[in-house]
Protein backbone atom coordinates (compact mmCIF):
# COMPACT_ATOMS: atom_id res chain seq x y z
CA UNK A 1 43.12 66.90 34.16
CA UNK A 2 39.34 67.19 34.23
CA UNK A 3 37.51 66.96 37.52
CA UNK A 4 34.98 64.15 37.09
CA UNK A 5 32.24 63.30 39.57
CA UNK A 6 29.48 61.70 37.48
CA UNK A 7 29.66 59.84 34.16
CA UNK A 8 26.82 58.64 31.94
CA UNK A 9 27.92 55.48 30.11
CA UNK A 10 25.61 54.45 27.29
CA UNK A 11 25.66 50.86 26.08
CA UNK A 12 27.20 49.98 29.43
CA UNK A 13 25.76 46.45 29.53
CA UNK A 14 27.54 45.56 26.30
CA UNK A 15 31.00 44.08 25.93
CA UNK A 16 33.27 47.14 25.95
CA UNK A 17 30.93 49.36 27.96
CA UNK A 18 30.67 46.83 30.79
CA UNK A 19 34.44 46.41 30.91
CA UNK A 20 34.78 50.21 31.03
CA UNK A 21 32.34 50.46 33.94
CA UNK A 22 34.19 47.71 35.79
CA UNK A 23 37.46 49.61 35.27
CA UNK A 24 35.88 52.79 36.66
CA UNK A 25 34.51 51.01 39.71
CA UNK A 26 37.97 49.58 40.45
CA UNK A 27 40.13 52.59 39.69
CA UNK A 28 37.81 55.60 40.10
CA UNK A 29 35.57 54.39 42.97
CA UNK A 30 34.55 57.92 43.89
CA UNK A 31 32.95 58.57 40.51
CA UNK A 32 29.19 58.16 40.17
CA UNK A 33 28.48 55.94 37.16
CA UNK A 34 25.07 55.87 35.47
CA UNK A 35 24.71 53.04 32.94
CA UNK A 36 22.07 53.43 30.23
CA UNK A 37 21.39 50.34 28.11
CA UNK A 38 18.39 49.18 26.09
CA UNK A 39 19.24 45.50 26.73
CA UNK A 40 18.90 44.53 23.10
CA UNK A 41 20.30 41.13 22.16
CA UNK A 42 23.93 42.25 22.75
CA UNK A 43 23.28 43.90 26.13
CA UNK A 44 23.46 41.61 29.13
CA UNK A 45 23.03 42.43 32.81
CA UNK A 46 25.24 39.43 33.50
CA UNK A 47 28.12 41.59 32.23
CA UNK A 48 27.57 43.88 35.24
CA UNK A 49 27.06 41.15 37.82
CA UNK A 50 28.39 42.13 41.23
CA UNK A 51 27.82 45.88 40.79
CA UNK A 52 24.18 45.83 41.88
CA UNK A 53 23.58 47.79 45.01
CA UNK A 54 26.82 49.78 44.90
CA UNK A 55 26.11 53.32 46.06
CA UNK A 56 28.02 54.96 43.20
CA UNK A 57 26.51 52.81 40.41
CA UNK A 58 23.04 53.00 38.86
CA UNK A 59 21.58 51.03 35.96
CA UNK A 60 18.82 52.54 33.81
CA UNK A 61 17.10 50.46 31.14
CA UNK A 62 16.41 52.66 28.15
CA UNK A 63 17.19 53.57 24.56
CA UNK A 64 19.57 56.34 23.54
CA UNK A 65 16.90 57.36 21.00
CA UNK A 66 14.47 58.19 23.84
CA UNK A 67 14.66 62.01 23.86
CA UNK A 68 12.89 62.50 27.19
CA UNK A 69 14.87 59.87 29.10
CA UNK A 70 18.25 60.88 27.69
CA UNK A 71 17.54 64.54 28.35
CA UNK A 72 16.60 63.79 31.96
CA UNK A 73 19.76 61.77 32.59
CA UNK A 74 22.01 64.35 30.95
CA UNK A 75 20.30 67.07 32.98
CA UNK A 76 21.25 65.42 36.25
CA UNK A 77 24.65 67.09 36.10
CA UNK A 78 26.95 64.61 34.37
CA UNK A 79 30.53 65.65 33.77
CA UNK A 80 30.98 63.29 30.82
CA UNK A 81 28.86 61.19 28.48
CA UNK A 82 30.71 58.19 27.04
CA UNK A 83 28.77 56.67 24.14
CA UNK A 84 29.45 52.97 23.67
CA UNK A 85 25.85 52.27 22.56
CA UNK A 86 25.77 50.91 19.02
CA UNK A 87 24.61 48.17 16.75
CA UNK A 88 28.02 46.75 15.87
CA UNK A 89 27.91 43.44 13.99
CA UNK A 90 28.87 43.80 10.32
CA UNK A 91 27.05 40.62 9.22
CA UNK A 92 23.78 41.85 10.75
CA UNK A 93 24.17 45.23 9.04
CA UNK A 94 24.51 43.49 5.68
CA UNK A 95 21.23 41.66 6.26
CA UNK A 96 19.46 44.90 7.20
CA UNK A 97 20.82 48.28 8.23
CA UNK A 98 17.71 50.16 9.41
CA UNK A 99 18.40 49.51 13.10
CA UNK A 100 22.03 50.57 12.60
CA UNK A 101 20.95 53.95 11.22
CA UNK A 102 18.33 54.43 13.95
CA UNK A 103 20.70 53.65 16.83
CA UNK A 104 24.14 54.62 15.60
CA UNK A 105 23.15 57.83 13.83
CA UNK A 106 19.79 58.89 15.27
CA UNK A 107 20.67 57.80 18.80
CA UNK A 108 23.96 59.68 18.69
CA UNK A 109 22.10 62.82 17.57
CA UNK A 110 19.74 62.51 20.56
CA UNK A 111 22.70 62.16 22.92
CA UNK A 112 24.46 65.17 21.36
CA UNK A 113 21.38 67.35 21.78
CA UNK A 114 21.04 66.20 25.38
CA UNK A 115 24.71 66.93 26.02
CA UNK A 116 24.20 70.48 24.71
CA UNK A 117 21.06 71.03 26.77
CA UNK A 118 22.42 69.47 29.95
CA UNK A 119 25.79 71.21 29.68
CA UNK A 120 27.73 67.95 29.93
CA UNK A 121 31.42 68.62 30.45
CA UNK A 122 32.57 66.24 27.72
CA UNK A 123 31.05 63.97 25.07
CA UNK A 124 33.15 60.95 24.08
CA UNK A 125 32.09 59.06 20.96
CA UNK A 126 33.40 55.49 20.84
CA UNK A 127 33.92 54.72 17.17
CA UNK A 128 35.85 52.13 15.18
CA UNK A 129 38.78 51.81 12.79
CA UNK A 130 36.32 50.36 10.27
CA UNK A 131 35.25 53.89 9.30
CA UNK A 132 38.59 54.18 7.44
CA UNK A 133 37.81 51.27 5.12
CA UNK A 134 40.36 48.68 4.01
CA UNK A 135 44.17 48.87 3.96
CA UNK A 136 46.65 47.36 1.55
CA UNK A 137 49.54 45.20 2.80
CA UNK A 138 51.53 48.20 4.15
CA UNK A 139 50.88 51.17 6.39
CA UNK A 140 48.37 51.94 9.15
CA UNK A 141 45.41 54.20 9.73
CA UNK A 142 46.02 57.53 11.45
CA UNK A 143 43.63 60.24 12.60
CA UNK A 144 44.26 61.98 9.25
CA UNK A 145 43.15 58.97 7.17
CA UNK A 146 40.07 59.69 5.06
CA UNK A 147 36.77 58.07 6.02
CA UNK A 148 35.92 55.34 3.50
CA UNK A 149 33.48 52.91 5.16
CA UNK A 150 32.68 49.75 3.24
CA UNK A 151 29.82 48.16 5.23
CA UNK A 152 26.46 49.55 6.36
CA UNK A 153 27.72 49.23 9.95
CA UNK A 154 30.89 51.25 9.38
CA UNK A 155 28.96 53.80 7.28
CA UNK A 156 26.58 54.37 10.20
CA UNK A 157 29.52 54.87 12.57
CA UNK A 158 31.21 57.28 10.16
CA UNK A 159 27.98 59.28 9.92
CA UNK A 160 27.81 59.47 13.72
CA UNK A 161 31.43 60.62 13.87
CA UNK A 162 30.67 63.43 11.43
CA UNK A 163 27.71 64.51 13.57
CA UNK A 164 29.95 64.64 16.63
CA UNK A 165 32.49 66.71 14.71
CA UNK A 166 29.76 69.06 13.48
CA UNK A 167 28.33 69.59 16.98
CA UNK A 168 31.79 70.49 18.25
CA UNK A 169 32.49 72.97 15.48
CA UNK A 170 28.96 74.42 15.18
CA UNK A 171 27.87 74.56 18.81
CA UNK A 172 31.16 74.43 20.67
CA UNK A 173 30.21 71.12 22.33
CA UNK A 174 33.29 69.65 24.03
CA UNK A 175 33.52 66.35 22.17
CA UNK A 176 36.17 63.74 21.41
CA UNK A 177 36.10 60.76 19.03
CA UNK A 178 38.03 57.54 19.63
CA UNK A 179 38.57 54.91 16.94
CA UNK A 180 39.82 51.55 18.11
CA UNK A 181 41.00 48.35 16.48
CA UNK A 182 39.38 44.95 17.12
CA UNK A 183 38.74 44.23 20.80
CA UNK A 184 38.78 40.89 22.59
CA UNK A 185 38.40 39.78 26.19
CA UNK A 186 35.76 38.77 28.76
CA UNK A 187 32.03 39.36 28.23
CA UNK A 188 32.25 39.63 24.43
CA UNK A 189 29.04 38.52 22.72
CA UNK A 190 29.65 35.15 21.04
CA UNK A 191 28.81 36.26 17.51
CA UNK A 192 32.25 37.92 17.26
CA UNK A 193 35.10 35.81 15.94
CA UNK A 194 37.09 35.02 19.12
CA UNK A 195 34.22 34.13 21.47
CA UNK A 196 32.35 32.42 18.61
CA UNK A 197 35.32 30.19 17.81
CA UNK A 198 36.14 29.50 21.47
CA UNK A 199 32.58 28.59 22.44
CA UNK A 200 32.12 26.52 19.26
CA UNK A 201 35.26 24.54 20.05
CA UNK A 202 34.22 24.07 23.67
CA UNK A 203 30.88 22.75 22.41
CA UNK A 204 32.54 20.39 19.88
CA UNK A 205 31.55 22.51 16.86
CA UNK A 206 33.70 23.75 13.98
CA UNK A 207 35.07 27.26 13.45
CA UNK A 208 33.63 28.95 10.33
CA UNK A 209 36.50 30.83 8.63
CA UNK A 210 35.50 33.30 5.92
CA UNK A 211 37.11 32.95 2.48
CA UNK A 212 40.84 32.15 2.53
CA UNK A 213 41.22 33.26 6.16
CA UNK A 214 43.88 35.83 5.25
CA UNK A 215 41.95 38.97 6.25
CA UNK A 216 44.10 40.85 8.79
CA UNK A 217 42.88 42.49 11.99
CA UNK A 218 44.78 44.54 14.57
CA UNK A 219 43.87 43.22 18.04
CA UNK A 220 43.72 44.96 21.42
CA UNK A 221 42.62 43.61 24.79
CA UNK A 222 39.43 45.30 25.97
CA UNK A 223 41.03 46.48 29.22
CA UNK A 224 43.75 48.31 27.28
CA UNK A 225 41.03 49.96 25.19
CA UNK A 226 39.11 50.96 28.32
CA UNK A 227 42.22 52.49 29.88
CA UNK A 228 42.69 54.53 26.72
CA UNK A 229 39.09 55.77 26.93
CA UNK A 230 39.64 56.71 30.58
CA UNK A 231 42.72 58.72 29.55
CA UNK A 232 40.60 60.50 26.93
CA UNK A 233 37.85 61.30 29.47
CA UNK A 234 40.37 62.80 31.88
CA UNK A 235 42.86 64.44 29.52
CA UNK A 236 41.63 64.32 25.91
CA UNK A 237 41.50 67.55 23.92
CA UNK A 238 38.04 68.68 22.87
CA UNK A 239 37.62 68.39 19.12
CA UNK A 240 40.32 65.73 18.79
CA UNK A 241 40.24 62.23 17.33
CA UNK A 242 42.35 59.53 18.98
CA UNK A 243 43.14 56.21 17.27
CA UNK A 244 43.64 53.32 19.69
CA UNK A 245 45.49 50.11 18.86
CA UNK A 246 48.07 47.69 20.24
CA UNK A 247 50.02 46.84 17.06
CA UNK A 248 49.00 43.17 17.16
CA UNK A 249 48.10 42.20 13.61
CA UNK A 250 47.01 38.64 12.86
CA UNK A 251 45.28 37.00 9.92
CA UNK A 252 42.02 35.28 10.79
CA UNK A 253 43.68 31.97 9.99
CA UNK A 254 46.61 32.68 12.35
CA UNK A 255 44.11 33.61 15.06
CA UNK A 256 42.14 30.41 14.44
CA UNK A 257 45.27 28.27 14.75
CA UNK A 258 46.22 29.98 18.02
CA UNK A 259 42.78 29.19 19.44
CA UNK A 260 43.00 25.59 18.25
CA UNK A 261 46.35 25.24 20.02
CA UNK A 262 45.09 26.81 23.26
CA UNK A 263 42.12 24.44 23.30
CA UNK A 264 43.97 21.32 22.19
CA UNK A 265 42.10 20.95 18.88
CA UNK A 266 43.42 20.34 15.36
CA UNK A 267 42.61 21.81 11.96
CA UNK A 268 39.88 19.27 11.31
CA UNK A 269 37.76 21.71 13.38
CA UNK A 270 38.17 24.47 10.75
CA UNK A 271 35.38 24.93 8.21
CA UNK A 272 35.99 27.37 5.35
CA UNK A 273 32.80 29.21 4.37
CA UNK A 274 32.02 31.67 1.54
CA UNK A 275 33.36 35.15 2.21
CA UNK A 276 30.91 37.84 3.26
CA UNK A 277 30.15 40.74 0.86
CA UNK A 278 32.54 43.68 1.02
CA UNK A 279 34.88 42.01 3.51
CA UNK A 280 37.70 44.49 4.29
CA UNK A 281 41.09 42.88 3.76
CA UNK A 282 43.21 44.56 6.42
CA UNK A 283 42.99 46.99 9.32
CA UNK A 284 45.92 48.44 11.29
CA UNK A 285 46.15 51.37 13.69
CA UNK A 286 48.94 53.87 14.31
CA UNK A 287 48.30 54.85 17.96
CA UNK A 288 51.25 57.25 18.30
CA UNK A 289 49.05 60.32 18.88
CA UNK A 290 47.32 59.03 22.02
CA UNK A 291 50.62 57.65 23.27
CA UNK A 292 52.38 60.94 22.74
CA UNK A 293 49.67 63.32 23.96
CA UNK A 294 47.97 61.36 26.75
CA UNK A 295 50.74 58.95 27.83
CA UNK A 296 48.66 55.82 27.24
CA UNK A 297 50.34 52.53 26.35
CA UNK A 298 48.85 49.03 25.91
CA UNK A 299 49.77 46.71 28.77
CA UNK A 300 48.45 43.30 27.67
CA UNK A 301 50.41 41.22 25.13
CA UNK A 302 48.36 39.32 22.59
CA UNK A 303 49.63 35.92 23.74
CA UNK A 304 48.85 36.68 27.38
CA UNK A 305 45.49 38.28 26.65
CA UNK A 306 44.29 35.56 24.29
CA UNK A 307 45.17 32.77 26.74
CA UNK A 308 43.39 34.65 29.56
CA UNK A 309 40.35 35.18 27.35
CA UNK A 310 40.11 31.48 26.50
CA UNK A 311 40.33 30.64 30.21
CA UNK A 312 37.57 33.13 30.98
CA UNK A 313 35.17 31.45 28.55
CA UNK A 314 36.13 28.04 29.90
CA UNK A 315 35.35 29.22 33.43
CA UNK A 316 32.11 31.04 32.51
CA UNK A 317 30.28 28.40 30.52
CA UNK A 318 26.93 29.27 32.12
CA UNK A 319 27.29 32.85 30.87
CA UNK A 320 27.80 31.98 27.20
CA UNK A 321 25.42 29.03 27.14
CA UNK A 322 22.62 31.29 28.43
CA UNK A 323 23.29 33.55 25.46
CA UNK A 324 23.41 30.77 22.90
CA UNK A 325 20.15 29.26 24.18
CA UNK A 326 18.44 32.65 24.51
CA UNK A 327 17.73 32.17 28.21
CA UNK A 328 19.22 35.58 29.09
CA UNK A 329 16.62 37.29 26.86
CA UNK A 330 13.79 35.29 28.40
CA UNK A 331 14.98 36.52 31.80
CA UNK A 332 14.70 40.14 30.65
CA UNK A 333 11.26 39.45 29.25
CA UNK A 334 10.15 38.18 32.66
CA UNK A 335 11.94 41.07 34.42
CA UNK A 336 10.66 43.92 32.26
CA UNK A 337 7.42 42.45 30.95
CA UNK A 338 8.05 42.57 27.22
CA UNK A 339 10.02 40.90 24.47
CA UNK A 340 13.36 42.53 23.76
């Protein structure tokens, strides 16, 4: 097991990154955690509330494309860089993918160069199952599945993965890639399907279901994902790819009906909308490699996790309303003196 003292977590004010940092602060309290986040629309300091002032935690506002800043942070003697930073919303990538290329590809390249120069012990690239493309009705993605991205977002992530692979093989950089199925849980930005539908229903609005609603996604609770990433940081083999999933497939329509039931609403609150371009039909992950090699297993059942997630959004209305009104961005503008 690797000896870890300091970790640089990029994109740590986002959904999964913030949950990862919270896991580290609970379960690895002796580790020093440096969080780098640009606080774009999906980054939110509210996701890290309660960690301010902790001796072993430091927040740095900045972009992973900033060569000087990233080089300085990597040169401070980090034992691992965990890259959660990414533009990640497929719909936004369809409208315009320039920012996705700049951050997901160019930003990853800057981090890789900094990891080489700063002699970071390990570079962990957090990727997605979407790089594999779309599945038919049978089977599941494995680490050997070919990359076949179908959206500008997934293409940018696949390109970043290939850069990580190249830096490992060309320069000997200790690097690992993880590819996870769809996450859900607390602090998820409410443009994603579960928090969007929950907050819409709480606000008396309808749930917009794409197409026939039969697209299938494989769901995993964010804490299970974060525990898998922690296992990779401590025990993952350099040069490896690890697929992460919880074997919890649901159609979007099944998911919608579960949320309606949990919130006491009926199907009059469902609005079918035209499907988005290039909408992948099905994703599913075979996570046997990480289970076999690193001993990780998902702990949270889908029924338990979904109910807990709905409760979290019910109990944190101020958090999601500040996002939907834009107040959280106005706060950052006042705090940092410019529009984000």
